[in-house]
């Protein structure tokens, strides 16, 4: 059985409240879970003590047993010092210009550099 430490949503519409739970990876997000490991209330300010409540010894126990935290839970745990921080994934290259546009930009930069060098040598 593959175990995940993840968020289970509760609260009213537009008023989220999350339980940090240990669940079987195949169970639904808000469904059956094995143990409640903490709470997260994103509606509270960042410095509020009740925004993130974690049961440290139980979390460390389940991590040592091989439970995998989701990305958001892993961020909470790394901020608390339970695990090492995961490196962030590199940003997608989709918004960058395509190959021909990049070549044109390089040519324009070379032309601008050459013009700047020419004007600098003419000014002397």
Protein backbone atom coordinates (compact mmCIF):
# COMPACT_ATOMS: atom_id res chain seq x y z
CA UNK A 1 0.00 0.00 0.00
CA UNK A 2 1.43 3.35 -1.12
CA UNK A 3 1.00 6.06 1.52
CA UNK A 4 0.73 9.78 0.83
CA UNK A 5 0.78 12.73 3.18
CA UNK A 6 -1.57 15.22 1.59
CA UNK A 7 -4.16 17.93 2.15
CA UNK A 8 -7.84 17.08 2.58
CA UNK A 9 -10.15 20.03 1.94
CA UNK A 10 -12.88 21.07 4.30
CA UNK A 11 -14.67 24.32 5.12
CA UNK A 12 -17.38 26.21 3.30
CA UNK A 13 -17.42 27.50 -0.24
CA UNK A 14 -14.67 30.13 -0.71
CA UNK A 15 -13.54 29.52 2.91
CA UNK A 16 -11.00 26.66 2.61
CA UNK A 17 -9.66 24.72 5.55
CA UNK A 18 -7.34 21.75 5.11
CA UNK A 19 -6.45 18.73 7.22
CA UNK A 20 -2.98 17.27 6.64
CA UNK A 21 -3.66 13.55 6.51
CA UNK A 22 -1.94 10.24 5.86
CA UNK A 23 -3.94 8.32 3.26
CA UNK A 24 -3.67 5.49 0.80
CA UNK A 25 -2.65 6.98 -2.56
CA UNK A 26 -5.70 5.38 -4.21
CA UNK A 27 -8.27 6.95 -1.86
CA UNK A 28 -10.11 10.16 -2.88
CA UNK A 29 -8.83 13.58 -1.81
CA UNK A 30 -11.51 14.14 0.84
CA UNK A 31 -12.16 10.45 1.47
CA UNK A 32 -10.90 7.87 3.92
CA UNK A 33 -7.57 8.49 5.64
CA UNK A 34 -5.46 6.64 8.18
CA UNK A 35 -4.30 9.46 10.47
CA UNK A 36 -4.65 13.21 10.85
CA UNK A 37 -1.20 14.82 11.03
CA UNK A 38 -2.09 18.50 11.24
CA UNK A 39 -4.15 21.37 9.89
CA UNK A 40 -3.67 24.27 7.49
CA UNK A 41 -5.90 27.33 7.42
CA UNK A 42 -4.93 29.60 4.48
CA UNK A 43 -7.48 32.24 5.55
CA UNK A 44 -5.33 33.27 8.53
CA UNK A 45 -2.38 35.69 8.19
CA UNK A 46 1.08 34.19 7.63
CA UNK A 47 2.37 35.00 11.11
CA UNK A 48 -0.68 33.54 12.94
CA UNK A 49 0.18 30.50 15.09
CA UNK A 50 -2.90 28.50 14.05
CA UNK A 51 -2.30 28.87 10.28
CA UNK A 52 -0.19 25.69 10.14
CA UNK A 53 -0.32 23.11 12.94
CA UNK A 54 1.81 19.98 12.56
CA UNK A 55 2.26 16.85 14.70
CA UNK A 56 6.05 16.66 14.40
CA UNK A 57 6.75 13.21 15.82
CA UNK A 58 3.98 11.50 13.82
CA UNK A 59 5.07 13.20 10.60
CA UNK A 60 8.69 12.15 11.14
CA UNK A 61 7.52 8.59 11.93
CA UNK A 62 5.51 8.27 8.71
CA UNK A 63 8.22 9.86 6.60
CA UNK A 64 10.68 7.30 7.98
CA UNK A 65 8.18 4.55 7.11
CA UNK A 66 8.23 5.68 3.46
CA UNK A 67 5.14 7.90 3.15
CA UNK A 68 5.49 10.39 0.29
CA UNK A 69 4.37 14.00 0.87
CA UNK A 70 2.68 15.93 -1.91
CA UNK A 71 4.42 19.06 -3.22
CA UNK A 72 2.57 21.45 -0.89
CA UNK A 73 3.08 19.23 2.18
CA UNK A 74 6.76 18.80 1.28
CA UNK A 75 7.08 22.59 1.23
CA UNK A 76 5.48 22.81 4.70
CA UNK A 77 7.79 20.10 6.04
CA UNK A 78 10.93 21.63 4.54
CA UNK A 79 10.00 25.04 6.03
CA UNK A 80 9.58 23.32 9.42
CA UNK A 81 12.92 21.50 8.98
CA UNK A 82 11.61 17.91 8.84
CA UNK A 83 12.96 17.20 5.34
CA UNK A 84 15.40 18.79 2.92
CA UNK A 85 13.89 21.29 0.48
CA UNK A 86 13.16 19.93 -2.98
CA UNK A 87 14.74 21.87 -5.83
CA UNK A 88 12.14 23.75 -7.82
CA UNK A 89 11.41 22.53 -11.31
CA UNK A 90 12.82 24.65 -14.10
CA UNK A 91 10.39 26.96 -15.75
CA UNK A 92 8.89 25.93 -19.05
CA UNK A 93 10.57 27.13 -22.24
CA UNK A 94 7.23 27.70 -23.94
CA UNK A 95 7.08 31.49 -23.49
CA UNK A 96 10.54 31.93 -25.03
CA UNK A 97 10.78 32.92 -28.71
CA UNK A 98 11.26 30.13 -31.23
CA UNK A 99 14.63 29.34 -32.87
CA UNK A 100 14.39 31.74 -35.84
CA UNK A 101 13.29 34.62 -33.63
CA UNK A 102 16.20 33.94 -31.27
CA UNK A 103 18.62 34.00 -34.24
CA UNK A 104 17.20 37.36 -35.36
CA UNK A 105 17.63 38.75 -31.84
CA UNK A 106 21.27 37.58 -31.75
CA UNK A 107 21.91 39.23 -35.14
CA UNK A 108 20.36 42.48 -33.92
CA UNK A 109 22.54 42.40 -30.79
CA UNK A 110 25.68 41.82 -32.88
CA UNK A 111 24.71 44.69 -35.19
CA UNK A 112 24.09 46.96 -32.18
CA UNK A 113 27.47 46.00 -30.67
CA UNK A 114 29.21 46.64 -33.98
CA UNK A 115 27.52 50.04 -34.31
CA UNK A 116 28.51 50.93 -30.76
CA UNK A 117 32.12 49.91 -31.39
CA UNK A 118 32.17 51.86 -34.67
CA UNK A 119 30.81 54.99 -33.01
CA UNK A 120 33.29 54.63 -30.14
CA UNK A 121 36.23 54.35 -32.56
CA UNK A 122 34.94 57.31 -34.64
CA UNK A 123 34.66 59.43 -31.48
CA UNK A 124 38.35 59.05 -30.63
